[in-house]
N, C-alpha and C. Protein backbone atom coordinates (compact mmCIF):
# COMPACT_ATOMS: atom_id res chain seq x y z
N MET A 1 56.77 3.49 -56.41
CA MET A 1 55.86 2.80 -55.51
C MET A 1 56.04 3.39 -54.11
N SER A 2 54.92 3.72 -53.47
CA SER A 2 55.01 4.32 -52.14
C SER A 2 55.46 3.29 -51.12
N ALA A 3 55.95 3.79 -49.99
CA ALA A 3 56.43 2.90 -48.93
C ALA A 3 55.32 2.00 -48.41
N THR A 4 54.11 2.54 -48.30
CA THR A 4 52.99 1.75 -47.81
C THR A 4 52.66 0.62 -48.78
N LEU A 5 52.61 0.94 -50.07
CA LEU A 5 52.32 -0.09 -51.06
C LEU A 5 53.41 -1.15 -51.09
N LEU A 6 54.66 -0.72 -50.98
CA LEU A 6 55.78 -1.66 -50.96
C LEU A 6 55.67 -2.58 -49.76
N LEU A 7 55.39 -2.00 -48.60
CA LEU A 7 55.24 -2.80 -47.39
C LEU A 7 54.09 -3.78 -47.53
N ARG A 8 52.97 -3.32 -48.05
CA ARG A 8 51.81 -4.21 -48.24
C ARG A 8 52.15 -5.33 -49.21
N TRP A 9 52.87 -5.02 -50.28
CA TRP A 9 53.25 -6.04 -51.26
C TRP A 9 54.18 -7.07 -50.63
N ARG A 10 55.16 -6.59 -49.84
CA ARG A 10 56.12 -7.50 -49.20
C ARG A 10 55.45 -8.39 -48.16
N MET A 11 54.39 -7.88 -47.52
CA MET A 11 53.70 -8.67 -46.51
C MET A 11 52.63 -9.57 -47.12
N GLY A 12 52.47 -9.49 -48.45
CA GLY A 12 51.55 -10.39 -49.13
C GLY A 12 50.12 -9.91 -49.22
N TYR A 13 49.87 -8.62 -49.01
CA TYR A 13 48.51 -8.11 -49.11
C TYR A 13 48.14 -7.94 -50.57
N ASN A 14 46.92 -8.19 -50.87
CA ASN A 14 46.42 -8.07 -52.22
C ASN A 14 45.15 -7.23 -52.19
N GLU A 15 45.17 -6.07 -52.82
CA GLU A 15 44.01 -5.17 -52.81
C GLU A 15 42.77 -5.86 -53.36
N ALA A 16 42.93 -6.67 -54.40
CA ALA A 16 41.78 -7.35 -54.99
C ALA A 16 41.13 -8.30 -53.99
N GLU A 17 41.94 -9.00 -53.22
CA GLU A 17 41.40 -9.93 -52.23
C GLU A 17 40.70 -9.19 -51.09
N GLU A 18 41.14 -8.00 -50.78
CA GLU A 18 40.57 -7.25 -49.67
C GLU A 18 39.42 -6.35 -50.11
N GLY A 19 39.05 -6.43 -51.39
CA GLY A 19 37.93 -5.60 -51.84
C GLY A 19 38.31 -4.13 -51.92
N ASN A 20 39.47 -3.83 -52.51
CA ASN A 20 39.94 -2.45 -52.66
C ASN A 20 40.03 -1.71 -51.33
N GLY A 21 40.66 -2.33 -50.36
CA GLY A 21 40.88 -1.67 -49.08
C GLY A 21 39.84 -1.99 -48.04
N GLU A 22 38.78 -2.70 -48.41
CA GLU A 22 37.78 -3.10 -47.42
C GLU A 22 38.15 -4.45 -46.85
N ILE A 23 38.18 -4.53 -45.53
CA ILE A 23 38.57 -5.76 -44.85
C ILE A 23 37.43 -6.15 -43.90
N ASN A 24 36.99 -7.40 -43.98
CA ASN A 24 35.88 -7.79 -43.12
C ASN A 24 36.36 -8.07 -41.69
N ILE A 25 35.43 -8.02 -40.77
CA ILE A 25 35.75 -8.16 -39.34
C ILE A 25 36.37 -9.51 -39.04
N GLU A 26 35.92 -10.54 -39.75
CA GLU A 26 36.46 -11.88 -39.52
C GLU A 26 37.95 -11.93 -39.82
N GLU A 27 38.37 -11.22 -40.87
CA GLU A 27 39.79 -11.18 -41.23
C GLU A 27 40.59 -10.45 -40.16
N VAL A 28 40.05 -9.36 -39.66
CA VAL A 28 40.72 -8.61 -38.59
C VAL A 28 40.89 -9.50 -37.36
N ALA A 29 39.87 -10.26 -37.03
CA ALA A 29 39.90 -11.12 -35.84
C ALA A 29 41.01 -12.17 -35.90
N LYS A 30 41.42 -12.57 -37.10
CA LYS A 30 42.49 -13.57 -37.26
C LYS A 30 43.85 -13.02 -36.82
N HIS A 31 44.01 -11.72 -36.84
CA HIS A 31 45.30 -11.09 -36.53
C HIS A 31 45.28 -10.60 -35.08
N ASN A 32 45.41 -11.55 -34.16
CA ASN A 32 45.26 -11.24 -32.74
C ASN A 32 46.44 -11.71 -31.89
N THR A 33 47.60 -11.81 -32.51
CA THR A 33 48.81 -12.19 -31.77
C THR A 33 49.91 -11.17 -32.02
N ALA A 34 50.96 -11.23 -31.22
CA ALA A 34 52.07 -10.29 -31.38
C ALA A 34 52.75 -10.45 -32.74
N ALA A 35 52.65 -11.62 -33.34
CA ALA A 35 53.26 -11.85 -34.65
C ALA A 35 52.54 -11.07 -35.75
N SER A 36 51.25 -10.87 -35.58
CA SER A 36 50.45 -10.11 -36.53
C SER A 36 49.25 -9.55 -35.79
N ILE A 37 49.31 -8.26 -35.50
CA ILE A 37 48.26 -7.64 -34.69
C ILE A 37 47.56 -6.53 -35.47
N TRP A 38 46.28 -6.74 -35.70
CA TRP A 38 45.44 -5.74 -36.34
C TRP A 38 44.40 -5.30 -35.33
N MET A 39 43.94 -4.08 -35.49
CA MET A 39 42.84 -3.59 -34.67
C MET A 39 42.02 -2.61 -35.49
N ILE A 40 40.84 -2.31 -35.00
CA ILE A 40 39.95 -1.37 -35.67
C ILE A 40 39.90 -0.10 -34.84
N TYR A 41 40.01 1.04 -35.53
CA TYR A 41 39.83 2.33 -34.88
C TYR A 41 38.97 3.18 -35.81
N GLU A 42 37.79 3.55 -35.36
CA GLU A 42 36.85 4.37 -36.14
C GLU A 42 36.68 3.84 -37.56
N ASP A 43 36.38 2.57 -37.68
CA ASP A 43 36.14 1.89 -38.95
C ASP A 43 37.37 1.80 -39.85
N LYS A 44 38.54 2.11 -39.32
CA LYS A 44 39.79 1.92 -40.05
C LYS A 44 40.47 0.68 -39.49
N VAL A 45 41.04 -0.13 -40.38
CA VAL A 45 41.79 -1.31 -39.94
C VAL A 45 43.26 -0.92 -39.87
N LEU A 46 43.86 -1.14 -38.70
CA LEU A 46 45.26 -0.79 -38.48
C LEU A 46 46.09 -2.05 -38.30
N ASP A 47 47.24 -2.10 -38.94
CA ASP A 47 48.22 -3.15 -38.67
C ASP A 47 49.28 -2.52 -37.77
N ILE A 48 49.22 -2.84 -36.48
CA ILE A 48 50.10 -2.22 -35.49
C ILE A 48 51.20 -3.17 -35.02
N THR A 49 51.47 -4.20 -35.81
CA THR A 49 52.48 -5.19 -35.44
C THR A 49 53.83 -4.52 -35.16
N ASN A 50 54.24 -3.62 -36.03
CA ASN A 50 55.54 -2.96 -35.87
C ASN A 50 55.54 -1.89 -34.79
N PHE A 51 54.38 -1.55 -34.27
CA PHE A 51 54.27 -0.52 -33.24
C PHE A 51 54.31 -1.10 -31.83
N LEU A 52 54.17 -2.40 -31.69
CA LEU A 52 54.12 -3.03 -30.37
C LEU A 52 55.28 -2.61 -29.48
N ASP A 53 56.49 -2.69 -30.00
CA ASP A 53 57.68 -2.36 -29.20
C ASP A 53 57.82 -0.86 -28.93
N LYS A 54 57.16 -0.05 -29.74
CA LYS A 54 57.28 1.41 -29.61
C LYS A 54 56.20 2.03 -28.73
N HIS A 55 55.15 1.28 -28.42
CA HIS A 55 54.02 1.83 -27.67
C HIS A 55 54.45 2.24 -26.27
N PRO A 56 54.25 3.51 -25.90
CA PRO A 56 54.69 4.00 -24.59
C PRO A 56 54.05 3.27 -23.41
N GLY A 57 52.85 2.76 -23.60
CA GLY A 57 52.15 2.07 -22.52
C GLY A 57 52.44 0.58 -22.47
N GLY A 58 53.36 0.12 -23.30
CA GLY A 58 53.68 -1.31 -23.34
C GLY A 58 52.80 -2.05 -24.34
N ASP A 59 53.19 -3.28 -24.62
CA ASP A 59 52.46 -4.04 -25.63
C ASP A 59 51.20 -4.73 -25.11
N SER A 60 51.10 -4.90 -23.80
CA SER A 60 49.97 -5.66 -23.26
C SER A 60 48.62 -5.02 -23.56
N ILE A 61 48.56 -3.70 -23.50
CA ILE A 61 47.29 -3.03 -23.76
C ILE A 61 46.88 -3.17 -25.23
N LEU A 62 47.87 -3.20 -26.12
CA LEU A 62 47.56 -3.40 -27.54
C LEU A 62 47.13 -4.83 -27.80
N LEU A 63 47.74 -5.77 -27.11
CA LEU A 63 47.36 -7.17 -27.28
C LEU A 63 45.94 -7.44 -26.77
N GLU A 64 45.49 -6.63 -25.83
CA GLU A 64 44.12 -6.79 -25.32
C GLU A 64 43.07 -6.47 -26.38
N VAL A 65 43.40 -5.58 -27.31
CA VAL A 65 42.45 -5.21 -28.36
C VAL A 65 42.81 -5.82 -29.71
N ALA A 66 43.75 -6.73 -29.72
CA ALA A 66 44.18 -7.37 -30.96
C ALA A 66 43.01 -8.08 -31.63
N GLY A 67 42.82 -7.79 -32.90
CA GLY A 67 41.76 -8.43 -33.66
C GLY A 67 40.37 -7.89 -33.37
N GLN A 68 40.30 -6.78 -32.66
CA GLN A 68 39.01 -6.23 -32.23
C GLN A 68 38.93 -4.74 -32.53
N ASP A 69 37.79 -4.16 -32.20
CA ASP A 69 37.61 -2.72 -32.31
C ASP A 69 38.15 -2.09 -31.03
N GLY A 70 39.20 -1.30 -31.15
CA GLY A 70 39.82 -0.67 -30.00
C GLY A 70 39.49 0.81 -29.86
N THR A 71 38.48 1.28 -30.59
CA THR A 71 38.14 2.70 -30.60
C THR A 71 37.86 3.23 -29.20
N SER A 72 37.01 2.56 -28.45
CA SER A 72 36.64 3.08 -27.13
C SER A 72 37.83 3.04 -26.17
N ARG A 73 38.65 2.00 -26.25
CA ARG A 73 39.84 1.94 -25.38
C ARG A 73 40.80 3.07 -25.71
N PHE A 74 40.97 3.35 -27.00
CA PHE A 74 41.86 4.42 -27.43
C PHE A 74 41.36 5.76 -26.92
N ARG A 75 40.07 5.99 -27.02
CA ARG A 75 39.50 7.27 -26.57
C ARG A 75 39.55 7.40 -25.05
N ASP A 76 39.35 6.28 -24.34
CA ASP A 76 39.36 6.31 -22.87
C ASP A 76 40.67 6.84 -22.32
N ILE A 77 41.76 6.54 -23.01
CA ILE A 77 43.09 6.93 -22.53
C ILE A 77 43.39 8.39 -22.85
N ARG A 78 42.62 8.98 -23.72
CA ARG A 78 42.80 10.39 -24.11
C ARG A 78 44.21 10.65 -24.64
N HIS A 79 44.50 10.03 -25.76
CA HIS A 79 45.80 10.18 -26.39
C HIS A 79 46.03 11.61 -26.87
N SER A 80 47.27 11.95 -27.05
CA SER A 80 47.64 13.28 -27.54
C SER A 80 47.25 13.42 -29.01
N LYS A 81 47.27 14.66 -29.51
CA LYS A 81 46.97 14.90 -30.92
C LYS A 81 48.01 14.21 -31.80
N ASP A 82 49.25 14.19 -31.35
CA ASP A 82 50.31 13.52 -32.11
C ASP A 82 50.03 12.03 -32.24
N ALA A 83 49.55 11.42 -31.17
CA ALA A 83 49.23 9.99 -31.20
C ALA A 83 48.10 9.72 -32.19
N VAL A 84 47.11 10.60 -32.20
CA VAL A 84 45.99 10.44 -33.13
C VAL A 84 46.48 10.57 -34.57
N LYS A 85 47.39 11.51 -34.82
CA LYS A 85 47.94 11.69 -36.16
C LYS A 85 48.73 10.46 -36.62
N MET A 86 49.38 9.78 -35.68
CA MET A 86 50.18 8.60 -36.01
C MET A 86 49.34 7.46 -36.56
N ILE A 87 48.08 7.44 -36.24
CA ILE A 87 47.21 6.34 -36.66
C ILE A 87 47.25 6.12 -38.16
N ASP A 88 47.24 7.21 -38.92
CA ASP A 88 47.17 7.11 -40.38
C ASP A 88 48.29 6.27 -40.98
N GLN A 89 49.45 6.25 -40.36
CA GLN A 89 50.55 5.49 -40.95
C GLN A 89 50.38 3.98 -40.77
N TYR A 90 49.42 3.56 -39.95
CA TYR A 90 49.19 2.14 -39.72
C TYR A 90 47.91 1.62 -40.38
N VAL A 91 47.18 2.50 -41.07
CA VAL A 91 45.94 2.10 -41.72
C VAL A 91 46.24 1.22 -42.93
N ILE A 92 45.58 0.06 -42.97
CA ILE A 92 45.74 -0.84 -44.12
C ILE A 92 44.42 -1.02 -44.87
N GLY A 93 43.36 -0.48 -44.36
CA GLY A 93 42.07 -0.59 -45.03
C GLY A 93 40.96 -0.07 -44.14
N ILE A 94 39.75 -0.26 -44.60
CA ILE A 94 38.58 0.12 -43.81
C ILE A 94 37.74 -1.13 -43.57
N VAL A 95 36.92 -1.07 -42.54
CA VAL A 95 36.08 -2.20 -42.20
C VAL A 95 34.99 -2.35 -43.25
N LYS A 96 34.89 -3.55 -43.78
CA LYS A 96 33.84 -3.84 -44.75
C LYS A 96 32.54 -4.06 -43.99
N LYS A 97 31.53 -3.29 -44.34
CA LYS A 97 30.25 -3.39 -43.65
C LYS A 97 29.25 -4.13 -44.53
N ASP A 98 28.62 -5.11 -43.95
CA ASP A 98 27.55 -5.79 -44.66
C ASP A 98 26.24 -5.05 -44.41
N ALA A 99 25.18 -5.48 -45.06
CA ALA A 99 23.88 -4.79 -44.94
C ALA A 99 23.38 -4.77 -43.50
N ASP A 100 23.58 -5.88 -42.76
CA ASP A 100 23.11 -5.94 -41.38
C ASP A 100 23.84 -4.94 -40.50
N THR A 101 25.15 -4.81 -40.69
CA THR A 101 25.93 -3.87 -39.89
C THR A 101 25.47 -2.44 -40.15
N GLN A 102 25.22 -2.11 -41.42
CA GLN A 102 24.78 -0.76 -41.75
C GLN A 102 23.42 -0.46 -41.14
N LYS A 103 22.52 -1.45 -41.14
CA LYS A 103 21.21 -1.24 -40.52
C LYS A 103 21.36 -1.00 -39.03
N LYS A 104 22.22 -1.79 -38.38
CA LYS A 104 22.42 -1.64 -36.94
C LYS A 104 22.98 -0.26 -36.62
N ASN A 105 23.94 0.19 -37.43
CA ASN A 105 24.55 1.49 -37.17
C ASN A 105 23.54 2.62 -37.34
N SER A 106 22.75 2.57 -38.40
CA SER A 106 21.78 3.65 -38.60
C SER A 106 20.71 3.60 -37.52
N PHE A 107 20.32 2.42 -37.09
CA PHE A 107 19.35 2.30 -36.00
C PHE A 107 19.94 2.83 -34.71
N GLY A 108 21.22 2.55 -34.50
CA GLY A 108 21.88 3.02 -33.29
C GLY A 108 21.93 4.54 -33.22
N ILE A 109 22.20 5.19 -34.34
CA ILE A 109 22.23 6.65 -34.38
C ILE A 109 20.83 7.19 -34.09
N PHE A 110 19.82 6.58 -34.70
CA PHE A 110 18.44 7.00 -34.47
C PHE A 110 18.08 6.84 -33.00
N SER A 111 18.46 5.72 -32.42
CA SER A 111 18.16 5.47 -31.01
C SER A 111 18.86 6.48 -30.11
N GLU A 112 20.08 6.84 -30.45
CA GLU A 112 20.82 7.81 -29.65
C GLU A 112 20.11 9.16 -29.67
N ARG A 113 19.62 9.55 -30.83
CA ARG A 113 18.90 10.82 -30.94
C ARG A 113 17.64 10.79 -30.09
N LYS A 114 16.91 9.68 -30.17
CA LYS A 114 15.69 9.57 -29.37
C LYS A 114 16.03 9.60 -27.89
N TYR A 115 17.11 8.94 -27.51
CA TYR A 115 17.53 8.91 -26.11
C TYR A 115 17.83 10.32 -25.61
N LYS A 116 18.60 11.08 -26.39
CA LYS A 116 18.94 12.45 -25.99
C LYS A 116 17.69 13.32 -25.88
N LYS A 117 16.77 13.14 -26.82
CA LYS A 117 15.53 13.92 -26.79
C LYS A 117 14.75 13.59 -25.52
N CYS A 118 14.70 12.31 -25.16
CA CYS A 118 13.99 11.91 -23.93
C CYS A 118 14.64 12.51 -22.69
N ILE A 119 15.97 12.56 -22.68
CA ILE A 119 16.69 13.15 -21.54
C ILE A 119 16.32 14.62 -21.41
N TYR A 120 16.31 15.35 -22.53
CA TYR A 120 15.98 16.77 -22.49
C TYR A 120 14.54 16.99 -22.02
N ILE A 121 13.63 16.19 -22.52
CA ILE A 121 12.22 16.32 -22.11
C ILE A 121 12.07 16.02 -20.63
N THR A 122 12.75 14.97 -20.16
CA THR A 122 12.68 14.62 -18.74
C THR A 122 13.24 15.73 -17.87
N ALA A 123 14.38 16.30 -18.28
CA ALA A 123 14.98 17.39 -17.50
C ALA A 123 14.06 18.61 -17.49
N ALA A 124 13.49 18.94 -18.63
CA ALA A 124 12.58 20.10 -18.70
C ALA A 124 11.35 19.88 -17.83
N THR A 125 10.83 18.66 -17.84
CA THR A 125 9.66 18.34 -17.01
C THR A 125 10.00 18.46 -15.53
N ALA A 126 11.18 17.99 -15.15
CA ALA A 126 11.60 18.07 -13.74
C ALA A 126 11.74 19.52 -13.30
N VAL A 127 12.33 20.36 -14.15
CA VAL A 127 12.50 21.78 -13.82
C VAL A 127 11.13 22.45 -13.70
N LEU A 128 10.23 22.14 -14.61
CA LEU A 128 8.88 22.70 -14.57
C LEU A 128 8.15 22.27 -13.29
N ALA A 129 8.24 20.99 -12.95
CA ALA A 129 7.59 20.49 -11.73
C ALA A 129 8.17 21.16 -10.49
N LEU A 130 9.47 21.33 -10.45
CA LEU A 130 10.11 22.00 -9.32
C LEU A 130 9.65 23.45 -9.23
N GLY A 131 9.55 24.12 -10.36
CA GLY A 131 9.07 25.50 -10.39
C GLY A 131 7.64 25.62 -9.89
N LEU A 132 6.79 24.69 -10.31
CA LEU A 132 5.40 24.69 -9.84
C LEU A 132 5.32 24.43 -8.35
N LEU A 133 6.15 23.54 -7.85
CA LEU A 133 6.17 23.24 -6.42
C LEU A 133 6.59 24.47 -5.61
N VAL A 134 7.62 25.16 -6.06
CA VAL A 134 8.09 26.37 -5.38
C VAL A 134 7.01 27.45 -5.44
N ALA A 135 6.38 27.63 -6.59
CA ALA A 135 5.31 28.62 -6.73
C ALA A 135 4.13 28.30 -5.82
N HIS A 136 3.78 27.04 -5.74
CA HIS A 136 2.68 26.61 -4.88
C HIS A 136 2.99 26.91 -3.41
N LYS A 137 4.22 26.61 -2.98
CA LYS A 137 4.63 26.86 -1.59
C LYS A 137 4.61 28.36 -1.29
N CYS A 138 5.07 29.16 -2.23
CA CYS A 138 5.11 30.61 -2.03
C CYS A 138 3.71 31.21 -1.96
N LEU A 139 2.81 30.72 -2.77
CA LEU A 139 1.45 31.25 -2.81
C LEU A 139 0.62 30.83 -1.60
N ARG A 140 0.97 29.76 -0.96
CA ARG A 140 0.23 29.27 0.21
C ARG A 140 0.52 30.10 1.45
N LYS A 141 1.60 30.84 1.46
CA LYS A 141 2.00 31.62 2.64
C LYS A 141 1.15 32.81 2.83
């Protein structure tokens, strides 16, 4: 039996209850204290309870994201590659997505693409307008 499975068994985790590694957001939200702290990072559920005392930045920043998605906070700090590699040892499952969540995510990706396309079109239009203005000024002389 692997160390992870042994630890999960000793802590009372049951794969069948979690849907074969899928954990819903409501369950993650219940683990928001120093006694049991879970967080989400890139759709992975992490149990970081044993990491609280080891975190170089102190436990307060981890407690701020307890029971929540901490992906953006983690990225904002720009952790080292070693820190990113450490994440895997705390993964206990993945976030279970319902149909509504999947629709929102796919819509969000679509919206982001449209947004970027609009930015490029706007920038190209501005450059073209500036070029026409300069050409007009030069030709009037």
